[in-house]
């Protein structure tokens, strides 16, 4: 029985197509970590900004939850653009990539919640150090999720999409 699935193409950028970040750091994993670190800081700044904007408009409890949701939504879009253009350097299939990117991030969030809860309730680990370790593990898993799911390409995908020119 032969495998009829198209072969998967590595999501690494083609030689000569590396953007400015990959030309500077040379390793996709490092570029991913830098973009992720920037996005984390940006999420913090956006949360504080939204808290400031919303503090006079809604109650403090609503402002806190809404600020996180708004910051997360904005930073998710920016993270997608930065990872797509600076880290994985792919073209075409914009909406498919975005849906997959959001899906990988949602799986990461759930994995983070489950592993942290297990660490604290089953292993009796202190919550703050466990959170740092779990977040690091989930970041590594997310890198592979984005590389092999969000920004995955097959040889067929490498052909230019006339609709996205």
C-alpha atoms as a PDB file:
ATOM      1  CA  UNK A   1       0.000   0.000   0.000  1.00  0.00           C
ATOM      2  CA  UNK A   2       1.483   3.358  -1.004  1.00  0.00           C
ATOM      3  CA  UNK A   3       1.152   6.564   0.925  1.00  0.00           C
ATOM      4  CA  UNK A   4      -0.801   9.076  -1.175  1.00  0.00           C
ATOM      5  CA  UNK A   5      -0.425  12.000   1.187  1.00  0.00           C
ATOM      6  CA  UNK A   6       1.691  14.873  -0.156  1.00  0.00           C
ATOM      7  CA  UNK A   7       5.074  15.149   1.530  1.00  0.00           C
ATOM      8  CA  UNK A   8       5.448  17.876   4.111  1.00  0.00           C
ATOM      9  CA  UNK A   9       7.895  20.644   3.383  1.00  0.00           C
ATOM     10  CA  UNK A  10       9.916  22.024   6.263  1.00  0.00           C
ATOM     11  CA  UNK A  11       8.641  25.437   7.393  1.00  0.00           C
ATOM     12  CA  UNK A  12      12.197  26.744   7.508  1.00  0.00           C
ATOM     13  CA  UNK A  13      12.723  29.681   5.192  1.00  0.00           C
ATOM     14  CA  UNK A  14      14.367  29.020   1.865  1.00  0.00           C
ATOM     15  CA  UNK A  15      18.025  30.008   1.677  1.00  0.00           C
ATOM     16  CA  UNK A  16      18.274  33.599   0.537  1.00  0.00           C
ATOM     17  CA  UNK A  17      14.732  34.444   1.686  1.00  0.00           C
ATOM     18  CA  UNK A  18      15.492  34.973   5.354  1.00  0.00           C
ATOM     19  CA  UNK A  19      14.123  38.210   6.702  1.00  0.00           C
ATOM     20  CA  UNK A  20      16.072  40.704   8.786  1.00  0.00           C
ATOM     21  CA  UNK A  21      15.557  38.832  12.069  1.00  0.00           C
ATOM     22  CA  UNK A  22      16.738  35.478  10.710  1.00  0.00           C
ATOM     23  CA  UNK A  23      19.713  37.127   9.043  1.00  0.00           C
ATOM     24  CA  UNK A  24      20.625  38.553  12.445  1.00  0.00           C
ATOM     25  CA  UNK A  25      20.133  35.490  14.677  1.00  0.00           C
ATOM     26  CA  UNK A  26      20.390  32.699  12.041  1.00  0.00           C
ATOM     27  CA  UNK A  27      18.363  30.169  14.093  1.00  0.00           C
ATOM     28  CA  UNK A  28      14.623  29.858  13.693  1.00  0.00           C
ATOM     29  CA  UNK A  29      14.255  28.739  17.317  1.00  0.00           C
ATOM     30  CA  UNK A  30      15.983  31.896  18.573  1.00  0.00           C
ATOM     31  CA  UNK A  31      13.875  34.090  16.286  1.00  0.00           C
ATOM     32  CA  UNK A  32      10.754  32.341  17.620  1.00  0.00           C
ATOM     33  CA  UNK A  33      11.833  33.018  21.217  1.00  0.00           C
ATOM     34  CA  UNK A  34      12.599  36.679  20.463  1.00  0.00           C
ATOM     35  CA  UNK A  35       9.230  37.243  18.779  1.00  0.00           C
ATOM     36  CA  UNK A  36       7.508  35.393  21.643  1.00  0.00           C
ATOM     37  CA  UNK A  37       9.320  37.499  24.247  1.00  0.00           C
ATOM     38  CA  UNK A  38       8.407  40.697  22.424  1.00  0.00           C
ATOM     39  CA  UNK A  39       4.803  39.547  22.153  1.00  0.00           C
ATOM     40  CA  UNK A  40       4.662  38.745  25.873  1.00  0.00           C
ATOM     41  CA  UNK A  41       5.913  42.233  26.766  1.00  0.00           C
ATOM     42  CA  UNK A  42       3.510  43.787  24.286  1.00  0.00           C
ATOM     43  CA  UNK A  43       0.640  41.805  25.853  1.00  0.00           C
ATOM     44  CA  UNK A  44       1.559  43.187  29.262  1.00  0.00           C
ATOM     45  CA  UNK A  45       1.688  46.756  27.947  1.00  0.00           C
ATOM     46  CA  UNK A  46      -1.610  46.322  26.101  1.00  0.00           C
ATOM     47  CA  UNK A  47      -3.287  44.912  29.217  1.00  0.00           C
ATOM     48  CA  UNK A  48      -2.200  47.917  31.274  1.00  0.00           C
ATOM     49  CA  UNK A  49      -3.240  50.263  28.460  1.00  0.00           C
ATOM     50  CA  UNK A  50      -6.695  48.673  28.224  1.00  0.00           C
ATOM     51  CA  UNK A  51      -7.031  48.796  32.036  1.00  0.00           C
ATOM     52  CA  UNK A  52      -6.290  52.527  31.886  1.00  0.00           C
ATOM     53  CA  UNK A  53      -8.771  53.117  29.060  1.00  0.00           C
ATOM     54  CA  UNK A  54     -11.547  51.032  30.619  1.00  0.00           C
ATOM     55  CA  UNK A  55     -11.163  52.007  34.291  1.00  0.00           C
ATOM     56  CA  UNK A  56     -13.626  54.890  34.077  1.00  0.00           C
ATOM     57  CA  UNK A  57     -16.032  53.171  31.679  1.00  0.00           C
ATOM     58  CA  UNK A  58     -16.792  49.876  33.468  1.00  0.00           C
ATOM     59  CA  UNK A  59     -16.415  48.265  36.882  1.00  0.00           C
ATOM     60  CA  UNK A  60     -12.963  47.166  38.022  1.00  0.00           C
ATOM     61  CA  UNK A  61     -13.844  43.452  37.727  1.00  0.00           C
ATOM     62  CA  UNK A  62     -15.150  43.838  34.182  1.00  0.00           C
ATOM     63  CA  UNK A  63     -12.204  46.055  33.212  1.00  0.00           C
ATOM     64  CA  UNK A  64      -9.704  43.426  34.362  1.00  0.00           C
ATOM     65  CA  UNK A  65     -11.226  40.566  32.380  1.00  0.00           C
ATOM     66  CA  UNK A  66     -11.998  42.703  29.341  1.00  0.00           C
ATOM     67  CA  UNK A  67      -8.484  44.171  29.323  1.00  0.00           C
ATOM     68  CA  UNK A  68      -6.915  40.725  29.171  1.00  0.00           C
ATOM     69  CA  UNK A  69      -9.281  39.614  26.397  1.00  0.00           C
ATOM     70  CA  UNK A  70      -8.654  42.746  24.315  1.00  0.00           C
ATOM     71  CA  UNK A  71      -4.885  42.606  24.814  1.00  0.00           C
ATOM     72  CA  UNK A  72      -4.848  38.914  23.937  1.00  0.00           C
ATOM     73  CA  UNK A  73      -6.866  39.520  20.766  1.00  0.00           C
ATOM     74  CA  UNK A  74      -4.611  42.329  19.550  1.00  0.00           C
ATOM     75  CA  UNK A  75      -1.380  40.565  20.467  1.00  0.00           C
ATOM     76  CA  UNK A  76      -2.550  37.321  18.782  1.00  0.00           C
ATOM     77  CA  UNK A  77      -2.906  39.102  15.442  1.00  0.00           C
ATOM     78  CA  UNK A  78       0.433  40.869  15.825  1.00  0.00           C
ATOM     79  CA  UNK A  79       2.156  37.636  16.897  1.00  0.00           C
ATOM     80  CA  UNK A  80       0.741  35.883  13.831  1.00  0.00           C
ATOM     81  CA  UNK A  81       2.084  38.552  11.495  1.00  0.00           C
ATOM     82  CA  UNK A  82       5.506  38.597  13.175  1.00  0.00           C
ATOM     83  CA  UNK A  83       5.874  34.808  13.284  1.00  0.00           C
ATOM     84  CA  UNK A  84       4.680  34.465   9.693  1.00  0.00           C
ATOM     85  CA  UNK A  85       6.990  37.154   8.316  1.00  0.00           C
ATOM     86  CA  UNK A  86      10.028  37.108  10.614  1.00  0.00           C
ATOM     87  CA  UNK A  87      10.278  33.508  11.852  1.00  0.00           C
ATOM     88  CA  UNK A  88       8.653  31.056   9.446  1.00  0.00           C
ATOM     89  CA  UNK A  89       8.747  33.212   6.275  1.00  0.00           C
ATOM     90  CA  UNK A  90       5.818  31.564   4.462  1.00  0.00           C
ATOM     91  CA  UNK A  91       3.494  32.874   1.771  1.00  0.00           C
ATOM     92  CA  UNK A  92      -0.031  32.060   0.695  1.00  0.00           C
ATOM     93  CA  UNK A  93      -2.829  30.366   2.651  1.00  0.00           C
ATOM     94  CA  UNK A  94      -3.213  33.372   4.938  1.00  0.00           C
ATOM     95  CA  UNK A  95      -6.558  32.403   6.490  1.00  0.00           C
ATOM     96  CA  UNK A  96      -5.679  28.719   6.842  1.00  0.00           C
ATOM     97  CA  UNK A  97      -2.456  29.723   8.593  1.00  0.00           C
ATOM     98  CA  UNK A  98      -4.275  32.161  10.886  1.00  0.00           C
ATOM     99  CA  UNK A  99      -6.919  29.623  11.925  1.00  0.00           C
ATOM    100  CA  UNK A 100      -4.202  27.034  12.579  1.00  0.00           C
ATOM    101  CA  UNK A 101      -2.149  29.630  14.504  1.00  0.00           C
ATOM    102  CA  UNK A 102      -5.098  30.457  16.759  1.00  0.00           C
ATOM    103  CA  UNK A 103      -5.788  26.731  17.198  1.00  0.00           C
ATOM    104  CA  UNK A 104      -2.206  25.963  18.216  1.00  0.00           C
ATOM    105  CA  UNK A 105      -2.298  28.877  20.678  1.00  0.00           C
ATOM    106  CA  UNK A 106      -5.595  27.681  22.162  1.00  0.00           C
ATOM    107  CA  UNK A 107      -4.197  24.169  22.593  1.00  0.00           C
ATOM    108  CA  UNK A 108      -1.157  25.761  24.238  1.00  0.00           C
ATOM    109  CA  UNK A 109      -3.355  27.719  26.624  1.00  0.00           C
ATOM    110  CA  UNK A 110      -5.339  24.604  27.601  1.00  0.00           C
ATOM    111  CA  UNK A 111      -2.125  22.579  27.954  1.00  0.00           C
ATOM    112  CA  UNK A 112      -0.706  25.340  30.151  1.00  0.00           C
ATOM    113  CA  UNK A 113      -3.800  25.323  32.373  1.00  0.00           C
ATOM    114  CA  UNK A 114      -3.906  21.519  32.686  1.00  0.00           C
ATOM    115  CA  UNK A 115      -0.175  21.047  33.331  1.00  0.00           C
ATOM    116  CA  UNK A 116      -0.085  23.856  35.888  1.00  0.00           C
ATOM    117  CA  UNK A 117      -3.124  22.476  37.693  1.00  0.00           C
ATOM    118  CA  UNK A 118      -1.582  18.978  37.731  1.00  0.00           C
ATOM    119  CA  UNK A 119       1.744  20.366  38.944  1.00  0.00           C
ATOM    120  CA  UNK A 120       0.120  22.197  41.830  1.00  0.00           C
ATOM    121  CA  UNK A 121      -2.627  19.759  42.839  1.00  0.00           C
ATOM    122  CA  UNK A 122      -1.022  16.372  42.095  1.00  0.00           C
ATOM    123  CA  UNK A 123       2.712  17.033  42.411  1.00  0.00           C
ATOM    124  CA  UNK A 124       2.214  19.708  45.121  1.00  0.00           C
ATOM    125  CA  UNK A 125       4.712  21.998  43.373  1.00  0.00           C
ATOM    126  CA  UNK A 126       4.760  25.664  44.360  1.00  0.00           C
ATOM    127  CA  UNK A 127       2.513  27.522  41.878  1.00  0.00           C
ATOM    128  CA  UNK A 128       4.867  30.298  40.738  1.00  0.00           C
ATOM    129  CA  UNK A 129       7.925  28.170  39.877  1.00  0.00           C
ATOM    130  CA  UNK A 130       5.634  25.543  38.357  1.00  0.00           C
ATOM    131  CA  UNK A 131       3.990  28.212  36.197  1.00  0.00           C
ATOM    132  CA  UNK A 132       7.373  29.327  34.847  1.00  0.00           C
ATOM    133  CA  UNK A 133       8.449  25.760  34.052  1.00  0.00           C
ATOM    134  CA  UNK A 134       5.109  24.838  32.479  1.00  0.00           C
ATOM    135  CA  UNK A 135       5.079  28.012  30.375  1.00  0.00           C
ATOM    136  CA  UNK A 136       8.567  27.194  29.109  1.00  0.00           C
ATOM    137  CA  UNK A 137       7.531  23.658  28.174  1.00  0.00           C
ATOM    138  CA  UNK A 138       4.393  24.898  26.437  1.00  0.00           C
ATOM    139  CA  UNK A 139       6.442  27.488  24.513  1.00  0.00           C
ATOM    140  CA  UNK A 140       8.633  24.676  23.138  1.00  0.00           C
ATOM    141  CA  UNK A 141       5.598  22.558  22.241  1.00  0.00           C
ATOM    142  CA  UNK A 142       3.988  25.611  20.604  1.00  0.00           C
ATOM    143  CA  UNK A 143       7.078  26.206  18.468  1.00  0.00           C
ATOM    144  CA  UNK A 144       6.740  22.719  17.002  1.00  0.00           C
ATOM    145  CA  UNK A 145       2.977  23.180  16.660  1.00  0.00           C
ATOM    146  CA  UNK A 146       3.466  26.367  14.663  1.00  0.00           C
ATOM    147  CA  UNK A 147       6.273  24.876  12.611  1.00  0.00           C
ATOM    148  CA  UNK A 148       4.418  21.664  11.738  1.00  0.00           C
ATOM    149  CA  UNK A 149       0.779  22.843  11.802  1.00  0.00           C
ATOM    150  CA  UNK A 150       0.315  26.625  11.543  1.00  0.00           C
ATOM    151  CA  UNK A 151       2.999  27.298   8.932  1.00  0.00           C
ATOM    152  CA  UNK A 152       3.421  23.814   7.420  1.00  0.00           C
ATOM    153  CA  UNK A 153       3.868  23.634   3.673  1.00  0.00           C
ATOM    154  CA  UNK A 154       3.661  20.802   1.159  1.00  0.00           C
ATOM    155  CA  UNK A 155       5.259  20.973  -2.310  1.00  0.00           C
ATOM    156  CA  UNK A 156       1.798  21.855  -3.664  1.00  0.00           C
ATOM    157  CA  UNK A 157       1.555  24.739  -1.161  1.00  0.00           C
ATOM    158  CA  UNK A 158       4.807  26.160  -2.469  1.00  0.00           C
ATOM    159  CA  UNK A 159       3.102  27.096  -5.741  1.00  0.00           C
ATOM    160  CA  UNK A 160       1.965  30.742  -5.807  1.00  0.00           C
ATOM    161  CA  UNK A 161      -1.715  31.218  -5.012  1.00  0.00           C
ATOM    162  CA  UNK A 162      -3.167  33.563  -7.657  1.00  0.00           C
ATOM    163  CA  UNK A 163      -5.813  34.824  -5.189  1.00  0.00           C
ATOM    164  CA  UNK A 164      -3.153  36.103  -2.749  1.00  0.00           C
ATOM    165  CA  UNK A 165      -0.841  37.913  -5.175  1.00  0.00           C
END
